[in-house]
Amino acid sequence: GLLIADRPAGPLFAVDGRALSWEQVMQTADEQG
């Protein structure tokens, strides 16, 4: 609910309106160890 907020459509997992890529997911998890 917090992620979707008031967005009516589009990719669920998005940052700044752009869908997360596999590479972003891997990098962010890796940055957290």
PDB file of all heavy atoms in Angstrom:
ATOM      1  N   GLY A   1       0.824  -1.208   0.000  1.00  0.00           N
ATOM      2  CA  GLY A   1       0.000   0.000   0.000  1.00  0.00           C
ATOM      3  C   GLY A   1       0.857   1.256   0.000  1.00  0.00           C
ATOM      4  O   GLY A   1       0.568   2.217  -0.720  1.00  0.00           O
ATOM      5  N   LEU A   2       1.923   1.241   0.787  1.00  0.00           N
ATOM      6  CA  LEU A   2       2.855   2.373   0.803  1.00  0.00           C
ATOM      7  C   LEU A   2       3.585   2.503  -0.533  1.00  0.00           C
ATOM      8  O   LEU A   2       3.806   3.609  -1.034  1.00  0.00           O
ATOM      9  CB  LEU A   2       3.869   2.211   1.938  1.00  0.00           C
ATOM     10  CG  LEU A   2       3.316   2.284   3.355  1.00  0.00           C
ATOM     11  CD1 LEU A   2       4.393   1.896   4.365  1.00  0.00           C
ATOM     12  CD2 LEU A   2       2.781   3.680   3.644  1.00  0.00           C
ATOM     13  N   LEU A   3       3.947   1.373  -1.113  1.00  0.00           N
ATOM     14  CA  LEU A   3       4.656   1.375  -2.392  1.00  0.00           C
ATOM     15  C   LEU A   3       3.770   1.907  -3.513  1.00  0.00           C
ATOM     16  O   LEU A   3       4.188   2.739  -4.309  1.00  0.00           O
ATOM     17  CB  LEU A   3       5.139  -0.044  -2.727  1.00  0.00           C
ATOM     18  CG  LEU A   3       5.819  -0.222  -4.084  1.00  0.00           C
ATOM     19  CD1 LEU A   3       7.116   0.592  -4.147  1.00  0.00           C
ATOM     20  CD2 LEU A   3       6.081  -1.698  -4.337  1.00  0.00           C
ATOM     21  N   ILE A   4       2.529   1.450  -3.547  1.00  0.00           N
ATOM     22  CA  ILE A   4       1.610   1.849  -4.615  1.00  0.00           C
ATOM     23  C   ILE A   4       1.161   3.294  -4.427  1.00  0.00           C
ATOM     24  O   ILE A   4       1.082   4.056  -5.387  1.00  0.00           O
ATOM     25  CB  ILE A   4       0.398   0.899  -4.667  1.00  0.00           C
ATOM     26  CG1 ILE A   4       0.846  -0.499  -5.100  1.00  0.00           C
ATOM     27  CG2 ILE A   4      -0.680   1.454  -5.600  1.00  0.00           C
ATOM     28  CD1 ILE A   4      -0.205  -1.581  -4.929  1.00  0.00           C
ATOM     29  N   ALA A   5       0.889   3.663  -3.180  1.00  0.00           N
ATOM     30  CA  ALA A   5       0.413   5.023  -2.836  1.00  0.00           C
ATOM     31  C   ALA A   5      -0.741   5.410  -3.752  1.00  0.00           C
ATOM     32  O   ALA A   5      -1.755   4.727  -3.765  1.00  0.00           O
ATOM     33  CB  ALA A   5       1.557   6.009  -2.867  1.00  0.00           C
ATOM     34  N   ASP A   6      -0.581   6.460  -4.518  1.00  0.00           N
ATOM     35  CA  ASP A   6      -1.674   6.928  -5.379  1.00  0.00           C
ATOM     36  C   ASP A   6      -1.431   6.618  -6.858  1.00  0.00           C
ATOM     37  O   ASP A   6      -2.084   7.182  -7.723  1.00  0.00           O
ATOM     38  CB  ASP A   6      -1.901   8.427  -5.184  1.00  0.00           C
ATOM     39  CG  ASP A   6      -0.662   9.254  -5.493  1.00  0.00           C
ATOM     40  OD1 ASP A   6       0.406   8.676  -5.788  1.00  0.00           O
ATOM     41  OD2 ASP A   6      -0.761  10.494  -5.432  1.00  0.00           O
ATOM     42  N   ARG A   7      -0.490   5.721  -7.150  1.00  0.00           N
ATOM     43  CA  ARG A   7      -0.232   5.364  -8.557  1.00  0.00           C
ATOM     44  C   ARG A   7      -1.356   4.477  -9.066  1.00  0.00           C
ATOM     45  O   ARG A   7      -1.624   3.427  -8.487  1.00  0.00           O
ATOM     46  CB  ARG A   7       1.099   4.632  -8.701  1.00  0.00           C
ATOM     47  CG  ARG A   7       2.300   5.487  -8.362  1.00  0.00           C
ATOM     48  CD  ARG A   7       3.618   4.759  -8.633  1.00  0.00           C
ATOM     49  NE  ARG A   7       3.748   3.570  -7.795  1.00  0.00           N
ATOM     50  CZ  ARG A   7       4.319   2.429  -8.197  1.00  0.00           C
ATOM     51  NH1 ARG A   7       4.780   2.294  -9.413  1.00  0.00           N
ATOM     52  NH2 ARG A   7       4.418   1.407  -7.359  1.00  0.00           N
ATOM     53  N   PRO A   8      -2.016   4.848 -10.149  1.00  0.00           N
ATOM     54  CA  PRO A   8      -3.129   4.046 -10.655  1.00  0.00           C
ATOM     55  C   PRO A   8      -2.700   2.843 -11.500  1.00  0.00           C
ATOM     56  O   PRO A   8      -3.433   1.872 -11.626  1.00  0.00           O
ATOM     57  CB  PRO A   8      -3.923   5.036 -11.501  1.00  0.00           C
ATOM     58  CG  PRO A   8      -2.888   6.001 -11.986  1.00  0.00           C
ATOM     59  CD  PRO A   8      -1.887   6.116 -10.857  1.00  0.00           C
ATOM     60  N   ALA A   9      -1.510   2.904 -12.071  1.00  0.00           N
ATOM     61  CA  ALA A   9      -1.050   1.837 -12.971  1.00  0.00           C
ATOM     62  C   ALA A   9       0.463   1.914 -13.080  1.00  0.00           C
ATOM     63  O   ALA A   9       1.096   2.826 -12.549  1.00  0.00           O
ATOM     64  CB  ALA A   9      -1.695   2.004 -14.345  1.00  0.00           C
ATOM     65  N   GLY A  10       1.015   0.943 -13.769  1.00  0.00           N
ATOM     66  CA  GLY A  10       2.454   0.911 -13.998  1.00  0.00           C
ATOM     67  C   GLY A  10       3.101  -0.237 -13.271  1.00  0.00           C
ATOM     68  O   GLY A  10       2.431  -1.050 -12.624  1.00  0.00           O
ATOM     69  N   PRO A  11       4.426  -0.323 -13.372  1.00  0.00           N
ATOM     70  CA  PRO A  11       5.134  -1.417 -12.707  1.00  0.00           C
ATOM     71  C   PRO A  11       5.008  -1.308 -11.190  1.00  0.00           C
ATOM     72  O   PRO A  11       5.096  -0.212 -10.632  1.00  0.00           O
ATOM     73  CB  PRO A  11       6.587  -1.239 -13.161  1.00  0.00           C
ATOM     74  CG  PRO A  11       6.687   0.125 -13.714  1.00  0.00           C
ATOM     75  CD  PRO A  11       5.318   0.571 -14.097  1.00  0.00           C
ATOM     76  N   LEU A  12       4.788  -2.431 -10.540  1.00  0.00           N
ATOM     77  CA  LEU A  12       4.645  -2.438  -9.087  1.00  0.00           C
ATOM     78  C   LEU A  12       5.952  -2.029  -8.420  1.00  0.00           C
ATOM     79  O   LEU A  12       5.970  -1.150  -7.577  1.00  0.00           O
ATOM     80  CB  LEU A  12       4.215  -3.830  -8.606  1.00  0.00           C
ATOM     81  CG  LEU A  12       4.056  -3.989  -7.100  1.00  0.00           C
ATOM     82  CD1 LEU A  12       2.969  -3.062  -6.561  1.00  0.00           C
ATOM     83  CD2 LEU A  12       3.754  -5.435  -6.742  1.00  0.00           C
ATOM     84  N   PHE A  13       7.025  -2.670  -8.802  1.00  0.00           N
ATOM     85  CA  PHE A  13       8.324  -2.405  -8.189  1.00  0.00           C
ATOM     86  C   PHE A  13       9.062  -1.376  -9.039  1.00  0.00           C
ATOM     87  O   PHE A  13       9.789  -1.730  -9.965  1.00  0.00           O
ATOM     88  CB  PHE A  13       9.126  -3.697  -8.028  1.00  0.00           C
ATOM     89  CG  PHE A  13       8.459  -4.680  -7.134  1.00  0.00           C
ATOM     90  CD1 PHE A  13       7.827  -5.799  -7.652  1.00  0.00           C
ATOM     91  CD2 PHE A  13       8.423  -4.483  -5.763  1.00  0.00           C
ATOM     92  CE1 PHE A  13       7.189  -6.708  -6.820  1.00  0.00           C
ATOM     93  CE2 PHE A  13       7.788  -5.382  -4.921  1.00  0.00           C
ATOM     94  CZ  PHE A  13       7.169  -6.498  -5.456  1.00  0.00           C
ATOM     95  N   ALA A  14       8.834  -0.121  -8.715  1.00  0.00           N
ATOM     96  CA  ALA A  14       9.412   0.972  -9.494  1.00  0.00           C
ATOM     97  C   ALA A  14      10.043   2.007  -8.573  1.00  0.00           C
ATOM     98  O   ALA A  14       9.571   2.229  -7.467  1.00  0.00           O
ATOM     99  CB  ALA A  14       8.327   1.631 -10.346  1.00  0.00           C
ATOM    100  N   VAL A  15      11.091   2.622  -9.079  1.00  0.00           N
ATOM    101  CA  VAL A  15      11.746   3.736  -8.407  1.00  0.00           C
ATOM    102  C   VAL A  15      11.776   4.877  -9.412  1.00  0.00           C
ATOM    103  O   VAL A  15      12.238   4.702 -10.536  1.00  0.00           O
ATOM    104  CB  VAL A  15      13.180   3.372  -7.947  1.00  0.00           C
ATOM    105  CG1 VAL A  15      13.890   4.584  -7.385  1.00  0.00           C
ATOM    106  CG2 VAL A  15      13.149   2.245  -6.927  1.00  0.00           C
ATOM    107  N   ASP A  16      11.224   6.013  -9.008  1.00  0.00           N
ATOM    108  CA  ASP A  16      11.136   7.178  -9.889  1.00  0.00           C
ATOM    109  C   ASP A  16      10.431   6.843 -11.207  1.00  0.00           C
ATOM    110  O   ASP A  16      10.841   7.297 -12.272  1.00  0.00           O
ATOM    111  CB  ASP A  16      12.532   7.766 -10.158  1.00  0.00           C
ATOM    112  CG  ASP A  16      13.199   8.272  -8.892  1.00  0.00           C
ATOM    113  OD1 ASP A  16      12.468   8.770  -8.000  1.00  0.00           O
ATOM    114  OD2 ASP A  16      14.430   8.160  -8.784  1.00  0.00           O
ATOM    115  N   GLY A  17       9.394   6.015 -11.114  1.00  0.00           N
ATOM    116  CA  GLY A  17       8.585   5.677 -12.283  1.00  0.00           C
ATOM    117  C   GLY A  17       9.171   4.617 -13.195  1.00  0.00           C
ATOM    118  O   GLY A  17       8.552   4.238 -14.184  1.00  0.00           O
ATOM    119  N   ARG A  18      10.339   4.115 -12.871  1.00  0.00           N
ATOM    120  CA  ARG A  18      10.992   3.097 -13.711  1.00  0.00           C
ATOM    121  C   ARG A  18      11.027   1.764 -12.984  1.00  0.00           C
ATOM    122  O   ARG A  18      11.406   1.694 -11.808  1.00  0.00           O
ATOM    123  CB  ARG A  18      12.404   3.532 -14.064  1.00  0.00           C
ATOM    124  CG  ARG A  18      12.436   4.838 -14.866  1.00  0.00           C
ATOM    125  CD  ARG A  18      13.841   5.143 -15.254  1.00  0.00           C
ATOM    126  NE  ARG A  18      14.386   3.990 -15.939  1.00  0.00           N
ATOM    127  CZ  ARG A  18      14.970   4.027 -17.119  1.00  0.00           C
ATOM    128  NH1 ARG A  18      15.116   5.156 -17.735  1.00  0.00           N
ATOM    129  NH2 ARG A  18      15.443   2.935 -17.678  1.00  0.00           N
ATOM    130  N   ALA A  19      10.636   0.710 -13.709  1.00  0.00           N
ATOM    131  CA  ALA A  19      10.636  -0.634 -13.131  1.00  0.00           C
ATOM    132  C   ALA A  19      12.046  -1.028 -12.702  1.00  0.00           C
ATOM    133  O   ALA A  19      13.030  -0.706 -13.371  1.00  0.00           O
ATOM    134  CB  ALA A  19      10.111  -1.642 -14.151  1.00  0.00           C
ATOM    135  N   LEU A  20      12.122  -1.704 -11.559  1.00  0.00           N
ATOM    136  CA  LEU A  20      13.410  -2.229 -11.108  1.00  0.00           C
ATOM    137  C   LEU A  20      13.925  -3.256 -12.101  1.00  0.00           C
ATOM    138  O   LEU A  20      13.163  -4.091 -12.596  1.00  0.00           O
ATOM    139  CB  LEU A  20      13.278  -2.904  -9.748  1.00  0.00           C
ATOM    140  CG  LEU A  20      13.012  -2.047  -8.530  1.00  0.00           C
ATOM    141  CD1 LEU A  20      12.937  -2.930  -7.283  1.00  0.00           C
ATOM    142  CD2 LEU A  20      14.067  -0.983  -8.362  1.00  0.00           C
ATOM    143  N   SER A  21      15.210  -3.225 -12.335  1.00  0.00           N
ATOM    144  CA  SER A  21      15.841  -4.248 -13.178  1.00  0.00           C
ATOM    145  C   SER A  21      16.459  -5.310 -12.277  1.00  0.00           C
ATOM    146  O   SER A  21      16.698  -5.077 -11.083  1.00  0.00           O
ATOM    147  CB  SER A  21      16.933  -3.617 -14.054  1.00  0.00           C
ATOM    148  OG  SER A  21      18.029  -3.208 -13.245  1.00  0.00           O
ATOM    149  N   TRP A  22      16.725  -6.451 -12.866  1.00  0.00           N
ATOM    150  CA  TRP A  22      17.394  -7.534 -12.149  1.00  0.00           C
ATOM    151  C   TRP A  22      18.710  -7.023 -11.563  1.00  0.00           C
ATOM    152  O   TRP A  22      19.044  -7.306 -10.410  1.00  0.00           O
ATOM    153  CB  TRP A  22      17.629  -8.699 -13.111  1.00  0.00           C
ATOM    154  CG  TRP A  22      18.393  -9.826 -12.514  1.00  0.00           C
ATOM    155  CD1 TRP A  22      19.730 -10.067 -12.634  1.00  0.00           C
ATOM    156  CD2 TRP A  22      17.879 -10.853 -11.671  1.00  0.00           C
ATOM    157  NE1 TRP A  22      20.078 -11.180 -11.928  1.00  0.00           N
ATOM    158  CE2 TRP A  22      18.954 -11.691 -11.337  1.00  0.00           C
ATOM    159  CE3 TRP A  22      16.619 -11.146 -11.179  1.00  0.00           C
ATOM    160  CZ2 TRP A  22      18.801 -12.803 -10.525  1.00  0.00           C
ATOM    161  CZ3 TRP A  22      16.480 -12.265 -10.366  1.00  0.00           C
ATOM    162  CH2 TRP A  22      17.554 -13.077 -10.049  1.00  0.00           C
ATOM    163  N   GLU A  23      19.454  -6.256 -12.354  1.00  0.00           N
ATOM    164  CA  GLU A  23      20.737  -5.740 -11.907  1.00  0.00           C
ATOM    165  C   GLU A  23      20.584  -4.816 -10.697  1.00  0.00           C
ATOM    166  O   GLU A  23      21.383  -4.873  -9.758  1.00  0.00           O
ATOM    167  CB  GLU A  23      21.452  -4.997 -13.049  1.00  0.00           C
ATOM    168  CG  GLU A  23      21.907  -5.906 -14.170  1.00  0.00           C
ATOM    169  CD  GLU A  23      20.784  -6.326 -15.120  1.00  0.00           C
ATOM    170  OE1 GLU A  23      19.702  -5.668 -15.137  1.00  0.00           O
ATOM    171  OE2 GLU A  23      20.964  -7.326 -15.832  1.00  0.00           O
ATOM    172  N   GLN A  24      19.580  -3.941 -10.711  1.00  0.00           N
ATOM    173  CA  GLN A  24      19.350  -3.048  -9.573  1.00  0.00           C
ATOM    174  C   GLN A  24      19.015  -3.845  -8.316  1.00  0.00           C
ATOM    175  O   GLN A  24      19.467  -3.508  -7.218  1.00  0.00           O
ATOM    176  CB  GLN A  24      18.203  -2.083  -9.869  1.00  0.00           C
ATOM    177  CG  GLN A  24      18.518  -1.017 -10.873  1.00  0.00           C
ATOM    178  CD  GLN A  24      17.269  -0.248 -11.239  1.00  0.00           C
ATOM    179  OE1 GLN A  24      16.263  -0.830 -11.654  1.00  0.00           O
ATOM    180  NE2 GLN A  24      17.332   1.060 -11.084  1.00  0.00           N
ATOM    181  N   VAL A  25      18.207  -4.880  -8.479  1.00  0.00           N
ATOM    182  CA  VAL A  25      17.812  -5.718  -7.343  1.00  0.00           C
ATOM    183  C   VAL A  25      19.039  -6.392  -6.740  1.00  0.00           C
ATOM    184  O   VAL A  25      19.244  -6.374  -5.521  1.00  0.00           O
ATOM    185  CB  VAL A  25      16.762  -6.762  -7.781  1.00  0.00           C
ATOM    186  CG1 VAL A  25      16.532  -7.802  -6.705  1.00  0.00           C
ATOM    187  CG2 VAL A  25      15.465  -6.073  -8.172  1.00  0.00           C
ATOM    188  N   MET A  26      19.866  -6.966  -7.600  1.00  0.00           N
ATOM    189  CA  MET A  26      21.074  -7.653  -7.125  1.00  0.00           C
ATOM    190  C   MET A  26      22.022  -6.666  -6.441  1.00  0.00           C
ATOM    191  O   MET A  26      22.554  -6.943  -5.376  1.00  0.00           O
ATOM    192  CB  MET A  26      21.784  -8.337  -8.300  1.00  0.00           C
ATOM    193  CG  MET A  26      20.931  -9.368  -9.007  1.00  0.00           C
ATOM    194  SD  MET A  26      20.654 -10.824  -8.012  1.00  0.00           S
ATOM    195  CE  MET A  26      22.204 -11.637  -8.235  1.00  0.00           C
ATOM    196  N   GLN A  27      22.228  -5.502  -7.052  1.00  0.00           N
ATOM    197  CA  GLN A  27      23.150  -4.511  -6.513  1.00  0.00           C
ATOM    198  C   GLN A  27      22.684  -3.981  -5.162  1.00  0.00           C
ATOM    199  O   GLN A  27      23.468  -3.858  -4.221  1.00  0.00           O
ATOM    200  CB  GLN A  27      23.311  -3.356  -7.494  1.00  0.00           C
ATOM    201  CG  GLN A  27      24.238  -2.279  -6.985  1.00  0.00           C
ATOM    202  CD  GLN A  27      24.382  -1.125  -7.958  1.00  0.00           C
ATOM    203  OE1 GLN A  27      23.875  -1.153  -9.065  1.00  0.00           O
ATOM    204  NE2 GLN A  27      25.091  -0.098  -7.522  1.00  0.00           N
ATOM    205  N   THR A  28      21.402  -3.670  -5.038  1.00  0.00           N
ATOM    206  CA  THR A  28      20.894  -3.103  -3.785  1.00  0.00           C
ATOM    207  C   THR A  28      20.978  -4.122  -2.649  1.00  0.00           C
ATOM    208  O   THR A  28      21.366  -3.771  -1.533  1.00  0.00           O
ATOM    209  CB  THR A  28      19.459  -2.588  -3.971  1.00  0.00           C
ATOM    210  OG1 THR A  28      19.472  -1.595  -4.999  1.00  0.00           O
ATOM    211  CG2 THR A  28      18.922  -1.978  -2.691  1.00  0.00           C
ATOM    212  N   ALA A  29      20.629  -5.364  -2.929  1.00  0.00           N
ATOM    213  CA  ALA A  29      20.755  -6.396  -1.894  1.00  0.00           C
ATOM    214  C   ALA A  29      22.225  -6.552  -1.493  1.00  0.00           C
ATOM    215  O   ALA A  29      22.550  -6.620  -0.303  1.00  0.00           O
ATOM    216  CB  ALA A  29      20.186  -7.719  -2.396  1.00  0.00           C
ATOM    217  N   ASP A  30      23.093  -6.561  -2.491  1.00  0.00           N
ATOM    218  CA  ASP A  30      24.528  -6.695  -2.223  1.00  0.00           C
ATOM    219  C   ASP A  30      25.047  -5.527  -1.386  1.00  0.00           C
ATOM    220  O   ASP A  30      25.873  -5.715  -0.490  1.00  0.00           O
ATOM    221  CB  ASP A  30      25.290  -6.792  -3.546  1.00  0.00           C
ATOM    222  CG  ASP A  30      26.751  -7.137  -3.340  1.00  0.00           C
ATOM    223  OD1 ASP A  30      27.038  -8.151  -2.678  1.00  0.00           O
ATOM    224  OD2 ASP A  30      27.606  -6.371  -3.842  1.00  0.00           O
ATOM    225  N   GLU A  31      24.559  -4.326  -1.652  1.00  0.00           N
ATOM    226  CA  GLU A  31      24.972  -3.156  -0.871  1.00  0.00           C
ATOM    227  C   GLU A  31      24.590  -3.292   0.601  1.00  0.00           C
ATOM    228  O   GLU A  31      25.228  -2.700   1.470  1.00  0.00           O
ATOM    229  CB  GLU A  31      24.343  -1.883  -1.446  1.00  0.00           C
ATOM    230  CG  GLU A  31      24.947  -1.458  -2.766  1.00  0.00           C
ATOM    231  CD  GLU A  31      24.164  -0.360  -3.448  1.00  0.00           C
ATOM    232  OE1 GLU A  31      23.088   0.063  -2.942  1.00  0.00           O
ATOM    233  OE2 GLU A  31      24.607   0.083  -4.526  1.00  0.00           O
ATOM    234  N   GLN A  32      23.555  -4.095   0.869  1.00  0.00           N
ATOM    235  CA  GLN A  32      23.132  -4.328   2.256  1.00  0.00           C
ATOM    236  C   GLN A  32      23.826  -5.547   2.855  1.00  0.00           C
ATOM    237  O   GLN A  32      23.532  -5.952   3.980  1.00  0.00           O
ATOM    238  CB  GLN A  32      21.610  -4.506   2.320  1.00  0.00           C
ATOM    239  CG  GLN A  32      20.845  -3.296   1.847  1.00  0.00           C
ATOM    240  CD  GLN A  32      21.249  -2.028   2.583  1.00  0.00           C
ATOM    241  OE1 GLN A  32      21.378  -2.020   3.799  1.00  0.00           O
ATOM    242  NE2 GLN A  32      21.465  -0.951   1.838  1.00  0.00           N
ATOM    243  N   GLY A  33      24.729  -6.154   2.070  1.00  0.00           N
ATOM    244  CA  GLY A  33      25.523  -7.275   2.569  1.00  0.00           C
ATOM    245  C   GLY A  33      24.901  -8.638   2.370  1.00  0.00           C
ATOM    246  O   GLY A  33      25.316  -9.600   3.021  1.00  0.00           O
TER     247      GLY A  33
END
